[in-house]
Amino acid sequence: MPVRYEDSTNQLWQAKCVLPDQGEEVEAVLKLCSQSVLDQSPFWMGMSQLFGLKFALQMGRYAEVYRLLEQWGGLPVPRLLSAAGAQTESCGWLLAEKVEGGAVAEVVGLVEVSMLAQHLGLLHQQRSRHFGPLFEPTVEADDWGRKVVATIQELAESLKVDVQAYAKPLHSFEQAWSNRPAEFVPIMPDLRWDQFLRHAHQLVLVDVDAMVWGARELEWVMLEYLLDEQQAQLFKQEYEILASVPVIGEDRTVYRLLLFLMNVLGESSLEAWMNAPTRFD
């Protein structure tokens, strides 16, 4: 199957399979991924360094990710049929039932914004004192600030991006988080409209690869790039029915820098990225 975006690290295959228990034939999508490919991706380098998520190696644990999203979220996800992690000589894979639907990214309406707000509001009602992969958060809250800054520094060095101008906000961020009581929620650092399909007037979340426990302010910073002003105001109204709206404040600079280095939307100008309009606070 053709990939939906240029920096995709997965191969997608359309398949037909027969479920052994019921004898039911279903249309499915097989996602293949090797760790060697992820090791070259700024996004997955960041996910590994910050969250300890090594997607290809851990794909065999994604039945729990799908189960938790079905239990906690406000949007349907495809039925996961089988999964396995990458081995030395083979890719990891996810086999999920195919969802028919249209691309959301082409036309994003207020209905989709409302559905997304309800979905994230429900997910953010779940809390953990640890961050990391959705299936097993193990990193202590006190390490969040240090790990975010270290990830930025490592990515900047690897990508040869000069972040010296941000030394002061990075230091302040790390110091503030060392003394801040923290709880983490399920987030998608690569939250984009192309992770969803529109099927029968319903959003379906089809790409759950990067689901982790993390600071919800990071996801709200990502939302500032996805939503225009009208959409942002509606999102905030719908979200706060279910959860309190976070204050991003001075953390915005650090999270924007992190997301730029992880290449979440493919922006090449650091100046343009950092000066994008703010939608919240």
Protein backbone atom coordinates (compact mmCIF):
# COMPACT_ATOMS: atom_id res chain seq x y z
CA MET A 1 0.00 0.00 0.00
CA PRO A 2 1.29 3.55 -0.67
CA VAL A 3 2.55 5.34 2.45
CA ARG A 4 0.58 8.37 3.64
CA TYR A 5 3.60 10.60 4.31
CA GLU A 6 7.16 10.84 3.06
CA ASP A 7 8.96 10.07 6.34
CA SER A 8 7.03 6.87 6.97
CA THR A 9 9.18 4.16 8.55
CA ASN A 10 6.69 1.35 7.94
CA GLN A 11 5.74 -0.84 5.00
CA LEU A 12 1.99 -1.39 4.67
CA TRP A 13 0.50 -4.41 2.91
CA GLN A 14 -3.14 -5.13 2.22
CA ALA A 15 -4.03 -8.71 3.11
CA LYS A 16 -6.86 -11.17 3.43
CA CYS A 17 -6.74 -13.63 6.28
CA VAL A 18 -8.92 -16.23 7.90
CA LEU A 19 -9.29 -16.01 11.67
CA PRO A 20 -8.52 -19.46 13.06
CA ASP A 21 -11.12 -19.47 15.84
CA GLN A 22 -14.17 -18.34 13.85
CA GLY A 23 -13.14 -19.24 10.30
CA GLU A 24 -14.01 -15.63 9.42
CA GLU A 25 -12.26 -14.09 6.41
CA VAL A 26 -11.33 -10.45 6.94
CA GLU A 27 -9.61 -7.67 5.03
CA ALA A 28 -6.51 -6.62 6.95
CA VAL A 29 -3.50 -4.30 6.90
CA LEU A 30 -0.07 -5.70 7.72
CA LYS A 31 2.41 -3.14 9.06
CA LEU A 32 6.09 -4.11 8.87
CA CYS A 33 8.87 -2.22 10.63
CA SER A 34 12.57 -2.87 11.28
CA GLN A 35 14.57 -1.31 14.10
CA SER A 36 17.43 -0.43 11.73
CA VAL A 37 15.07 1.91 9.81
CA LEU A 38 13.86 3.55 13.03
CA ASP A 39 17.45 4.17 14.14
CA GLN A 40 17.78 6.64 11.23
CA SER A 41 14.56 8.55 12.00
CA PRO A 42 14.80 11.72 14.14
CA PHE A 43 11.28 11.09 15.41
CA TRP A 44 11.96 7.55 16.56
CA MET A 45 15.38 8.51 17.90
CA GLY A 46 13.56 10.99 20.12
CA MET A 47 10.91 8.46 21.11
CA SER A 48 13.62 6.00 22.13
CA GLN A 49 15.70 8.52 24.06
CA LEU A 50 12.84 10.24 25.88
CA PHE A 51 10.27 7.48 26.37
CA GLY A 52 12.32 4.31 25.98
CA LEU A 53 10.00 3.24 23.15
CA LYS A 54 11.72 1.00 20.61
CA PHE A 55 8.71 0.44 18.41
CA ALA A 56 9.89 -2.34 16.09
CA LEU A 57 11.32 -4.43 18.93
CA GLN A 58 8.20 -3.93 21.08
CA MET A 59 5.42 -4.38 18.50
CA GLY A 60 4.56 -7.71 20.10
CA ARG A 61 3.28 -5.80 23.13
CA TYR A 62 0.81 -3.65 21.21
CA ALA A 63 -2.25 -5.76 22.02
CA GLU A 64 -2.18 -3.88 25.34
CA VAL A 65 -2.01 -0.51 23.55
CA TYR A 66 -5.09 -1.31 21.47
CA ARG A 67 -6.91 -2.66 24.54
CA LEU A 68 -6.22 0.46 26.61
CA LEU A 69 -7.27 2.81 23.80
CA GLU A 70 -10.54 0.92 23.37
CA GLN A 71 -11.11 1.15 27.12
CA TRP A 72 -10.10 4.76 27.70
CA GLY A 73 -10.45 6.72 24.46
CA GLY A 74 -13.37 8.29 22.67
CA LEU A 75 -12.56 7.03 19.17
CA PRO A 76 -12.62 3.52 17.70
CA VAL A 77 -9.38 1.79 16.74
CA PRO A 78 -9.02 -1.12 14.30
CA ARG A 79 -9.21 -4.65 15.67
CA LEU A 80 -5.67 -5.96 16.20
CA LEU A 81 -5.48 -9.53 14.93
CA SER A 82 -1.87 -10.42 15.71
CA ALA A 83 1.51 -8.81 16.43
CA ALA A 84 5.18 -9.66 16.93
CA GLY A 85 8.36 -7.72 17.74
CA ALA A 86 11.35 -7.48 15.41
CA GLN A 87 14.10 -10.08 15.65
CA THR A 88 17.69 -9.94 14.41
CA GLU A 89 16.75 -11.17 10.95
CA SER A 90 13.13 -9.99 10.67
CA CYS A 91 10.81 -7.00 10.95
CA GLY A 92 8.28 -6.47 13.70
CA TRP A 93 4.68 -6.45 12.55
CA LEU A 94 1.12 -5.56 13.40
CA LEU A 95 -1.82 -7.19 11.63
CA ALA A 96 -5.02 -5.19 12.06
CA GLU A 97 -8.43 -5.36 10.47
CA LYS A 98 -8.70 -2.91 7.59
CA VAL A 99 -10.86 0.18 8.12
CA GLU A 100 -12.51 1.67 5.04
CA GLY A 101 -12.56 5.43 5.14
CA GLY A 102 -11.41 8.72 3.71
CA ALA A 103 -8.41 10.82 4.64
CA VAL A 104 -9.20 13.41 7.29
CA ALA A 105 -6.21 15.63 6.55
CA GLU A 106 -7.70 16.85 3.26
CA VAL A 107 -10.72 18.55 4.89
CA VAL A 108 -10.73 19.05 8.66
CA GLY A 109 -14.07 20.32 9.90
CA LEU A 110 -15.31 21.43 13.29
CA VAL A 111 -17.00 18.05 13.77
CA GLU A 112 -13.60 16.31 13.57
CA VAL A 113 -12.08 18.86 15.95
CA SER A 114 -14.87 18.20 18.45
CA MET A 115 -14.37 14.42 18.20
CA LEU A 116 -10.62 14.81 18.74
CA ALA A 117 -11.18 17.02 21.79
CA GLN A 118 -13.53 14.48 23.34
CA HIS A 119 -11.10 11.66 22.63
CA LEU A 120 -8.13 13.43 24.20
CA GLY A 121 -10.24 14.67 27.10
CA LEU A 122 -11.16 11.08 27.93
CA LEU A 123 -7.60 9.81 27.55
CA HIS A 124 -6.24 12.58 29.75
CA GLN A 125 -8.47 11.48 32.61
CA GLN A 126 -6.02 8.60 33.02
CA ARG A 127 -2.97 9.45 35.12
CA SER A 128 0.39 7.87 35.93
CA ARG A 129 3.31 8.91 38.11
CA HIS A 130 5.65 7.40 35.53
CA PHE A 131 6.24 8.09 31.84
CA GLY A 132 7.25 5.79 29.00
CA PRO A 133 5.51 3.39 26.60
CA LEU A 134 1.75 3.12 27.04
CA PHE A 135 2.05 -0.58 27.84
CA GLU A 136 4.70 -0.06 30.54
CA PRO A 137 5.63 3.40 31.89
CA THR A 138 8.63 2.95 34.16
CA VAL A 139 10.55 6.27 34.24
CA GLU A 140 10.16 8.32 37.42
CA ALA A 141 8.43 11.70 37.15
CA ASP A 142 11.49 13.50 38.56
CA ASP A 143 13.42 12.53 35.42
CA TRP A 144 11.07 14.22 32.92
CA GLY A 145 12.83 17.58 32.75
CA ARG A 146 16.29 16.06 32.55
CA LYS A 147 15.25 13.54 29.89
CA VAL A 148 13.51 16.15 27.71
CA VAL A 149 16.58 18.41 27.76
CA ALA A 150 18.99 15.51 27.16
CA THR A 151 16.89 14.35 24.19
CA ILE A 152 16.93 17.85 22.68
CA GLN A 153 20.69 18.08 23.11
CA GLU A 154 21.33 14.63 21.62
CA LEU A 155 19.05 15.23 18.63
CA ALA A 156 20.54 18.69 18.02
CA GLU A 157 24.04 17.24 18.02
CA SER A 158 23.04 14.36 15.74
CA LEU A 159 21.23 16.66 13.29
CA LYS A 160 23.81 19.46 13.57
CA VAL A 161 21.25 22.05 14.69
CA ASP A 162 22.56 24.90 16.86
CA VAL A 163 20.33 25.28 19.94
CA GLN A 164 22.72 27.40 21.99
CA ALA A 165 20.27 30.33 21.84
CA TYR A 166 17.85 28.21 23.91
CA ALA A 167 20.30 27.32 26.68
CA LYS A 168 18.54 29.48 29.27
CA PRO A 169 14.97 28.16 28.75
CA LEU A 170 16.34 24.61 28.64
CA HIS A 171 18.09 25.08 31.95
CA SER A 172 15.03 26.72 33.52
CA PHE A 173 12.81 23.89 32.27
CA GLU A 174 15.05 21.21 33.74
CA GLN A 175 15.26 23.00 37.09
CA ALA A 176 11.50 23.63 37.26
CA TRP A 177 10.60 20.00 36.56
CA SER A 178 13.01 18.71 39.21
CA ASN A 179 10.74 20.26 41.87
CA ARG A 180 7.35 20.01 40.19
CA PRO A 181 4.77 17.39 41.20
CA ALA A 182 4.00 15.62 37.96
CA GLU A 183 1.41 13.25 36.57
CA PHE A 184 1.46 11.92 33.04
CA VAL A 185 -1.32 11.05 30.61
CA PRO A 186 -1.59 9.04 27.37
CA ILE A 187 -0.33 11.23 24.50
CA MET A 188 0.75 10.97 20.84
CA PRO A 189 3.81 13.15 20.15
CA ASP A 190 3.17 12.64 16.41
CA LEU A 191 -0.48 13.71 16.65
CA ARG A 192 -1.46 14.59 13.08
CA TRP A 193 -4.66 14.36 11.08
CA ASP A 194 -3.18 11.69 8.83
CA GLN A 195 -3.21 9.27 11.78
CA PHE A 196 -7.01 9.16 11.42
CA LEU A 197 -9.57 8.06 8.85
CA ARG A 198 -13.15 9.27 8.48
CA HIS A 199 -15.60 6.35 8.33
CA ALA A 200 -19.39 6.68 8.50
CA HIS A 201 -19.22 10.20 10.00
CA GLN A 202 -16.82 8.94 12.68
CA LEU A 203 -13.11 9.51 13.22
CA VAL A 204 -11.13 6.27 13.52
CA LEU A 205 -7.64 6.31 15.03
CA VAL A 206 -5.65 3.97 12.77
CA ASP A 207 -2.04 4.76 13.69
CA VAL A 208 -1.26 4.19 17.38
CA ASP A 209 2.48 3.50 17.02
CA ALA A 210 3.68 6.41 19.17
CA MET A 211 1.23 6.19 22.09
CA VAL A 212 3.08 6.89 25.34
CA TRP A 213 2.62 8.31 28.82
CA GLY A 214 3.96 11.86 28.84
CA ALA A 215 3.24 15.47 29.82
CA ARG A 216 -0.05 16.56 28.27
CA GLU A 217 1.38 20.05 27.68
CA LEU A 218 3.58 18.48 24.99
CA GLU A 219 0.50 17.28 23.12
CA TRP A 220 -1.18 20.68 23.51
CA VAL A 221 1.87 22.34 21.95
CA MET A 222 1.49 19.95 19.02
CA LEU A 223 -2.17 20.97 18.74
CA GLU A 224 -1.15 24.59 18.19
CA TYR A 225 0.32 23.51 14.84
CA LEU A 226 -2.71 21.42 13.83
CA LEU A 227 -5.56 23.83 14.64
CA ASP A 228 -6.43 27.29 13.40
CA GLU A 229 -7.79 29.87 15.82
CA GLN A 230 -11.46 28.91 15.43
CA GLN A 231 -10.67 25.21 15.73
CA ALA A 232 -8.49 25.82 18.80
CA GLN A 233 -11.27 27.64 20.63
CA LEU A 234 -13.77 24.87 19.90
CA PHE A 235 -11.23 22.24 20.92
CA LYS A 236 -10.66 23.97 24.26
CA GLN A 237 -14.41 24.27 24.95
CA GLU A 238 -15.05 20.60 24.21
CA TYR A 239 -11.97 19.37 26.06
CA GLU A 240 -12.66 21.20 29.31
CA ILE A 241 -16.01 19.42 29.63
CA LEU A 242 -13.94 16.32 30.41
CA ALA A 243 -10.62 17.58 31.79
CA SER A 244 -8.98 20.78 32.98
CA VAL A 245 -7.07 22.75 30.36
CA PRO A 246 -3.31 22.73 31.05
CA VAL A 247 -1.21 25.88 31.24
CA ILE A 248 1.66 25.60 28.77
CA GLY A 249 3.43 28.79 29.81
CA GLU A 250 7.22 28.84 29.54
CA ASP A 251 7.32 25.13 28.67
CA ARG A 252 6.16 25.99 25.14
CA THR A 253 9.64 26.98 23.95
CA VAL A 254 11.20 23.70 25.07
CA TYR A 255 8.43 21.50 23.71
CA ARG A 256 8.42 23.33 20.38
CA LEU A 257 12.16 22.80 20.12
CA LEU A 258 11.78 19.10 20.90
CA LEU A 259 9.03 18.62 18.30
CA PHE A 260 11.04 20.48 15.64
CA LEU A 261 14.08 18.27 16.20
CA MET A 262 11.85 15.18 16.06
CA ASN A 263 10.63 16.43 12.64
CA VAL A 264 6.98 15.84 13.47
CA LEU A 265 5.63 17.95 10.59
CA GLY A 266 8.66 18.22 8.32
CA GLU A 267 9.31 21.95 8.89
CA SER A 268 12.90 22.85 7.90
CA SER A 269 13.07 26.39 9.34
CA LEU A 270 13.64 26.51 13.08
CA GLU A 271 12.79 30.22 13.14
CA ALA A 272 9.45 29.73 11.39
CA TRP A 273 8.60 26.77 13.65
CA MET A 274 9.38 28.58 16.90
CA ASN A 275 7.43 31.67 15.80
CA ALA A 276 4.24 29.83 14.83
CA PRO A 277 1.04 31.33 16.33
CA THR A 278 0.17 30.36 19.90
CA ARG A 279 -3.41 29.12 20.34
CA PHE A 280 -3.69 28.44 24.06
CA ASP A 281 -2.96 30.18 27.41
